[in-house]
Protein backbone atom coordinates (compact mmCIF):
# COMPACT_ATOMS: atom_id res chain seq x y z
CA MET A 1 195.07 97.03 40.43
CA ARG A 2 191.50 97.95 39.74
CA LEU A 3 190.18 101.03 41.50
CA LEU A 4 186.43 101.08 41.74
CA PHE A 5 185.33 104.36 43.16
CA SER A 6 183.12 107.17 42.11
CA LEU A 7 184.65 110.16 40.29
CA LEU A 8 183.61 112.50 43.08
CA PHE A 9 185.84 110.58 45.47
CA ALA A 10 188.64 110.55 42.93
CA LEU A 11 188.57 114.33 42.68
CA ALA A 12 189.62 114.62 46.30
CA GLY A 13 192.56 112.30 45.79
CA SER A 14 196.04 112.93 44.44
CA THR A 15 196.77 114.18 40.95
CA ALA A 16 198.66 111.02 40.09
CA LEU A 17 195.81 108.53 39.47
CA ALA A 18 196.80 105.22 37.93
CA GLY A 19 194.64 102.20 37.11
CA THR A 20 191.00 102.29 36.10
CA ILE A 21 188.01 104.30 37.24
CA ILE A 22 184.29 103.94 36.75
CA VAL A 23 182.91 107.26 35.53
CA GLU A 24 179.72 108.66 36.99
CA PRO A 25 177.99 112.01 36.39
CA VAL A 26 178.92 114.62 38.98
CA PRO A 27 177.52 118.14 39.51
CA VAL A 28 179.44 120.90 37.74
CA THR A 29 178.86 124.60 38.33
CA GLU A 30 177.72 126.65 35.37
CA TRP A 31 179.48 130.01 35.22
CA LYS A 32 178.10 133.12 33.57
CA ALA A 33 180.67 135.62 32.30
CA VAL A 34 179.68 139.28 32.70
CA TYR A 35 181.52 142.55 33.01
CA GLY A 36 181.54 144.48 36.25
CA ARG A 37 182.52 148.08 36.88
CA ILE A 38 184.97 149.13 39.57
CA GLU A 39 183.14 151.77 41.59
CA ALA A 40 183.87 153.73 44.73
CA ARG A 41 181.65 152.82 47.66
CA ASN A 42 180.95 156.49 48.43
CA VAL A 43 180.88 159.19 45.76
CA VAL A 44 180.33 162.61 47.35
CA PRO A 45 180.55 166.05 45.72
CA ALA A 46 182.64 168.72 47.45
CA ARG A 47 180.37 171.76 47.19
CA ALA A 48 181.04 175.48 47.39
CA ARG A 49 179.39 176.93 50.48
CA ILE A 50 179.25 180.45 49.06
CA GLY A 51 178.94 181.87 45.59
CA GLY A 52 181.85 183.65 43.99
CA THR A 53 184.97 183.18 41.87
CA VAL A 54 187.26 180.17 42.16
CA VAL A 55 190.59 181.80 43.01
CA GLU A 56 192.43 178.59 43.88
CA LEU A 57 191.99 174.97 42.75
CA LEU A 58 194.43 172.74 44.59
CA VAL A 59 193.50 169.30 43.21
CA THR A 60 192.95 167.60 39.89
CA GLU A 61 191.51 164.26 38.77
CA GLY A 62 193.32 161.32 40.35
CA ASP A 63 194.68 163.17 43.39
CA THR A 64 194.27 161.61 46.82
CA VAL A 65 192.76 163.83 49.53
CA ALA A 66 192.01 163.51 53.25
CA ALA A 67 188.72 164.38 54.89
CA GLY A 68 188.61 168.09 55.78
CA GLU A 69 191.48 169.02 53.46
CA THR A 70 191.13 172.30 51.56
CA ILE A 71 190.83 171.51 47.87
CA ALA A 72 189.72 174.88 46.48
CA SER A 73 189.06 178.48 47.49
CA VAL A 74 186.10 180.64 46.44
CA SER A 75 186.19 184.40 46.89
CA ASP A 76 183.34 186.89 46.89
CA GLU A 77 184.62 190.50 46.73
CA LYS A 78 181.34 191.84 48.08
CA LEU A 79 182.13 190.24 51.43
CA ALA A 80 185.30 192.34 51.77
CA PHE A 81 183.26 195.47 51.08
CA GLN A 82 180.72 194.43 53.70
CA VAL A 83 183.49 193.95 56.27
CA ALA A 84 184.86 197.43 55.48
CA ALA A 85 181.38 198.94 55.84
CA ILE A 86 180.86 197.20 59.19
CA ASP A 87 184.26 198.41 60.43
CA ALA A 88 183.21 201.96 59.56
CA GLN A 89 179.97 201.48 61.50
CA LEU A 90 181.92 200.16 64.47
CA SER A 91 184.23 203.18 64.41
CA ALA A 92 181.23 205.50 64.40
CA LEU A 93 179.51 203.58 67.22
CA LYS A 94 182.66 203.54 69.35
CA ALA A 95 182.99 207.30 68.95
CA GLN A 96 179.33 207.61 69.86
CA LEU A 97 179.95 205.42 72.93
CA ASP A 98 182.86 207.61 74.04
CA ARG A 99 180.66 210.69 73.79
CA ALA A 100 177.80 208.95 75.65
CA GLU A 101 180.12 207.85 78.44
CA THR A 102 181.51 211.39 78.70
CA GLU A 103 177.98 212.78 78.93
CA LEU A 104 177.15 210.17 81.58
CA ALA A 105 180.17 211.17 83.70
CA ARG A 106 179.21 214.84 83.39
CA GLY A 107 175.62 214.01 84.32
CA ARG A 108 176.70 212.20 87.48
CA SER A 109 178.75 215.24 88.49
CA LEU A 110 175.87 217.62 87.86
CA THR A 111 173.43 215.38 89.69
CA GLN A 112 175.69 215.26 92.74
CA ARG A 113 175.72 219.08 92.75
CA GLY A 114 171.97 219.20 92.33
CA VAL A 115 172.11 220.85 88.90
CA ALA A 116 170.80 217.87 86.86
CA THR A 117 167.84 215.68 87.69
CA ALA A 118 167.87 211.90 88.26
CA GLN A 119 165.67 211.50 85.19
CA ARG A 120 168.36 213.08 83.01
CA LEU A 121 170.98 210.76 84.54
CA ASP A 122 168.85 207.68 83.71
CA GLN A 123 168.51 208.89 80.15
CA LEU A 124 172.31 209.20 79.82
CA ARG A 125 172.77 205.69 81.22
CA THR A 126 170.29 204.38 78.66
CA ASP A 127 172.17 206.08 75.83
CA VAL A 128 175.38 204.34 76.90
CA ASP A 129 173.67 200.92 77.14
CA VAL A 130 171.99 201.34 73.73
CA THR A 131 175.28 202.29 72.09
CA ARG A 132 177.08 199.31 73.66
CA ASN A 133 174.35 196.96 72.44
CA GLN A 134 174.58 198.45 68.96
CA ILE A 135 178.33 197.80 68.98
CA ALA A 136 177.73 194.18 70.09
CA ALA A 137 175.14 193.63 67.33
CA THR A 138 177.43 195.14 64.70
CA GLU A 139 180.35 192.96 65.84
CA ALA A 140 178.10 189.89 65.60
CA GLN A 141 177.13 190.97 62.09
CA LYS A 142 180.83 191.28 61.25
CA SER A 143 181.44 187.76 62.60
CA VAL A 144 178.78 186.40 60.22
CA VAL A 145 180.45 188.03 57.23
CA LEU A 146 183.89 186.82 58.35
CA GLN A 147 182.47 183.30 58.67
CA GLN A 148 181.12 183.58 55.14
CA GLN A 149 184.59 184.52 53.97
CA ALA A 150 186.06 181.52 55.78
CA GLU A 151 183.49 179.26 54.11
CA GLY A 152 185.06 180.19 50.80
CA ASP A 153 187.45 177.28 51.45
CA VAL A 154 186.03 174.13 49.84
CA LEU A 155 186.79 171.10 52.04
CA ALA A 156 186.99 167.44 51.06
CA PRO A 157 183.92 165.70 52.56
CA LEU A 158 185.75 162.36 52.93
CA SER A 159 189.09 160.71 52.36
CA GLY A 160 189.52 159.27 48.89
CA ARG A 161 190.41 160.07 45.31
CA VAL A 162 189.31 163.02 43.20
CA LEU A 163 187.17 161.67 40.37
CA ALA A 164 186.15 164.91 38.67
CA THR A 165 186.75 168.66 38.88
CA PRO A 166 183.99 170.32 36.84
CA VAL A 167 185.26 173.87 37.48
CA THR A 168 188.43 175.75 36.61
CA ARG A 169 190.38 178.49 38.29
CA GLY A 170 188.75 181.83 37.61
CA GLY A 171 185.34 180.27 37.04
CA VAL A 172 182.21 181.49 38.80
CA VAL A 173 180.24 179.11 41.02
CA MET A 174 177.02 179.41 42.98
CA GLY A 175 176.55 178.32 46.56
CA GLY A 176 175.97 174.56 46.68
CA GLU A 177 177.54 173.93 43.28
CA PRO A 178 180.03 170.99 43.20
CA VAL A 179 183.66 171.96 42.79
CA ALA A 180 185.03 168.38 42.83
CA THR A 181 183.71 164.84 43.17
CA ILE A 182 185.42 162.57 45.70
CA GLY A 183 185.26 158.77 45.67
CA GLY A 184 186.18 156.94 48.85
CA GLY A 185 185.20 154.33 51.40
CA GLY A 186 186.79 151.49 49.42
CA PHE A 187 186.08 150.03 46.01
CA TYR A 188 183.83 147.22 44.80
CA LEU A 189 182.49 145.73 41.58
CA ARG A 190 178.96 146.50 40.37
CA LEU A 191 177.35 143.99 38.03
CA ALA A 192 174.30 144.04 35.79
CA VAL A 193 173.20 140.42 35.33
CA PRO A 194 170.38 139.28 32.97
CA GLU A 195 167.21 138.77 34.99
CA ARG A 196 166.86 135.11 33.96
CA HIS A 197 169.75 134.40 36.34
CA ALA A 198 168.26 136.41 39.22
CA ARG A 199 167.12 133.43 41.30
CA ALA A 200 170.50 131.74 40.97
CA LEU A 201 172.30 134.66 42.62
CA GLY A 202 172.87 134.21 46.33
CA GLU A 203 174.61 136.63 48.66
CA GLY A 204 177.92 135.23 49.86
CA ALA A 205 178.49 133.10 46.75
CA ALA A 206 182.08 132.74 45.55
CA ILE A 207 182.89 134.78 42.43
CA ARG A 208 185.81 134.58 40.01
CA VAL A 209 187.25 137.96 39.00
CA THR A 210 189.78 138.27 36.19
CA THR A 211 192.21 141.18 36.51
CA ASP A 212 195.43 142.17 34.78
CA ALA A 213 197.32 140.45 37.60
CA GLY A 214 195.37 137.20 37.14
CA GLU A 215 192.28 135.63 38.66
CA VAL A 216 191.25 136.69 42.16
CA ALA A 217 188.50 135.43 44.42
CA GLY A 218 185.47 137.55 45.15
CA ARG A 219 182.23 137.36 47.09
CA LEU A 220 178.73 138.35 46.06
CA ALA A 221 178.06 140.97 48.74
CA LYS A 222 174.60 142.25 47.81
CA VAL A 223 171.84 141.56 45.30
CA TYR A 224 169.43 144.44 44.79
CA PRO A 225 165.73 143.47 44.52
CA ARG A 226 164.87 145.96 41.81
CA ILE A 227 165.29 144.86 38.18
CA GLU A 228 166.20 147.66 35.78
CA ASN A 229 165.97 147.22 32.00
CA GLY A 230 165.97 143.45 32.35
CA ARG A 231 169.08 143.46 34.54
CA VAL A 232 169.66 142.53 38.17
CA ILE A 233 172.13 144.82 39.96
CA ALA A 234 174.61 143.12 42.28
CA ASP A 235 177.74 144.15 44.18
CA VAL A 236 180.88 142.03 44.44
CA GLU A 237 183.66 142.50 46.98
CA ALA A 238 187.12 141.33 45.91
CA ASP A 239 190.65 141.75 47.14
CA ALA A 240 193.51 143.16 45.06
CA LEU A 241 191.29 145.16 42.73
CA ASP A 242 193.17 147.56 40.48
CA THR A 243 191.71 150.93 41.47
CA ALA A 244 193.86 153.06 39.17
CA PHE A 245 190.77 153.66 37.03
CA VAL A 246 187.31 154.02 38.50
CA ASP A 247 184.43 152.67 36.35
CA ALA A 248 186.90 150.35 34.59
CA ARG A 249 185.28 147.13 33.31
CA VAL A 250 186.47 143.80 34.71
CA LEU A 251 185.51 140.29 33.62
CA VAL A 252 183.54 138.45 36.31
CA GLU A 253 182.24 134.87 36.34
CA LEU A 254 179.13 134.10 38.39
CA PRO A 255 177.76 130.69 39.44
CA VAL A 256 174.28 130.62 37.92
CA ASP A 257 173.40 126.89 37.68
CA GLU A 258 174.55 123.30 38.10
CA ARG A 259 174.57 120.47 35.58
CA GLN A 260 175.61 116.83 35.52
CA ALA A 261 178.82 116.05 33.64
CA ILE A 262 181.21 113.14 33.14
CA LEU A 263 184.74 114.05 34.20
CA VAL A 264 187.93 112.06 33.74
CA PRO A 265 191.51 112.82 34.76
CA ALA A 266 193.34 114.82 32.13
CA ALA A 267 196.02 112.12 32.00
CA ALA A 268 193.43 109.66 30.64
CA VAL A 269 192.96 111.71 27.46
CA ALA A 270 195.46 111.36 24.61
CA ASN A 271 195.46 113.60 21.55
CA ARG A 272 196.67 112.33 18.22
CA TYR A 273 196.32 114.17 14.93
CA GLY A 274 193.83 116.57 16.53
CA VAL A 275 191.54 113.81 17.83
CA ASP A 276 191.14 113.01 21.54
CA PHE A 277 191.12 109.37 22.67
CA VAL A 278 190.53 107.48 25.91
CA ARG A 279 190.80 103.79 26.68
CA ALA A 280 187.39 102.74 27.89
CA GLY A 281 185.17 99.72 28.08
CA ASP A 282 182.63 97.80 30.10
CA GLY A 283 185.13 96.45 32.58
CA ALA A 284 185.85 93.13 30.84
CA ALA A 285 187.62 94.59 27.83
CA THR A 286 188.79 98.07 26.92
CA SER A 287 189.50 99.74 23.62
CA GLU A 288 190.65 103.10 22.42
CA ARG A 289 187.70 105.38 21.80
CA ALA A 290 187.43 108.83 20.24
CA VAL A 291 185.75 111.38 22.50
CA VAL A 292 184.78 115.05 22.40
CA VAL A 293 186.22 116.96 25.34
CA GLY A 294 184.82 120.09 26.90
CA GLU A 295 185.81 122.27 29.82
CA ARG A 296 188.95 121.64 31.82
CA ILE A 297 188.31 121.72 35.57
CA GLU A 298 190.58 121.53 38.60
CA ARG A 299 189.19 119.97 41.78
CA GLY A 300 191.02 118.89 44.88
CA GLY A 301 194.34 119.45 43.14
CA ALA A 302 193.41 117.07 40.28
CA ALA A 303 193.29 118.22 36.65
CA LEU A 304 190.05 116.94 35.09
CA VAL A 305 188.47 117.08 31.65
CA GLU A 306 184.78 116.99 30.84
CA ILE A 307 183.76 114.37 28.27
CA VAL A 308 180.94 115.77 26.18
CA SER A 309 180.37 112.66 24.07
CA GLY A 310 181.98 109.24 23.63
CA LEU A 311 181.53 107.96 27.21
CA ALA A 312 178.52 106.85 29.19
CA ALA A 313 177.94 106.61 32.94
CA GLY A 314 179.16 103.33 34.42
CA GLU A 315 181.89 102.73 31.87
CA THR A 316 185.48 102.04 32.87
CA VAL A 317 188.32 104.36 31.85
CA GLU A 318 191.99 103.49 32.05
CA VAL A 319 194.25 106.12 33.61
CA PRO A 320 197.97 105.87 32.78
C-alpha cells in the first residue's frame, strides 16, 4: 500500500510506519548548548548587630537553617561593665529616694505642727519626684544596654542553606559585618547567552536541562534586558534540580532558531560497513541510495533521522 502523506503528519502517527512516504522539509528547532549555574533565589547575609567577639558559631557551610534561628553569638564585654555601672547608679538613686521620702514624711509632720513652711514641703516633694524620674531614666538606660546584649545573637534572616561563614569562633567583628551568608527562596538556573541569540529568547520557552539524573524539562522564566560583556542574562526554572552544590554548572539547551530539514523514520535507514542507505526514488522506481544522516529526533513517539544529503524534497522513501 502506498502512503502519500507529508512527513509532518507522519510524525504524529505510530512508530511502526510501513510502506512508502514522500519526504518534505519540515521545521526543526535549533538548540544552543550553554552552561547555567544553579543559584539560590535569595542570597542574604546574616549580619552582626553589635561589634564584639564571636563566642559561639553554631553553623557551618551546607547547614540548613530556619528564619529567626540563632546561628552565632557575639559578645562585647564593655556592655557587662556598663550594666554593672548602671546597677550601681540605681542603688545610689534608690538610697537617695529612701532618704528623700523620709525627709518628705518628716516635713509633712513638721508642717502639720506649724514648724515647717509649705514652701519647704513643696521642695521635699520635688526632691522625691526628681529622684524617682532619675531612677526611671537610669532603668531605661539599662534596658538599652540589655537590649544591646541580646542583639549579640545573630539570627538567620530567612530559611535556607548556609553558603558561607567568613568568620571563626574567637574572631572580632564590627556591627553590620556578615557572619554567614544564607541562600534560600528556592533554586534556579542562571544563564549567560551570547547576544546574537538575544532576540530568539522568549520568556516561557521550553528548555532542556541535563542533570546527573538525566534530562529534565525547564522553562525560560526571565530574560534581562541588559547585555553584559556580550552576554544576555536569563533565568531558567526547572524541577528536580540537584541543589547539593550552589553555583554548580549544568548543561542547558535553548531553542534559538528554526530551520528546514528532511526527516525520515529511523527504520528507513540501514547501515552497512559504516555507510547509511535508504531506498528512495521518484515514485515509479526505487533504488538503494547512500545518504549522510544528521541529528536523531523523536516526535510524536516516532524515532526520526535527519537526512543531510542524498535526498531531495518530493522523493519517495520506502519504510520497512
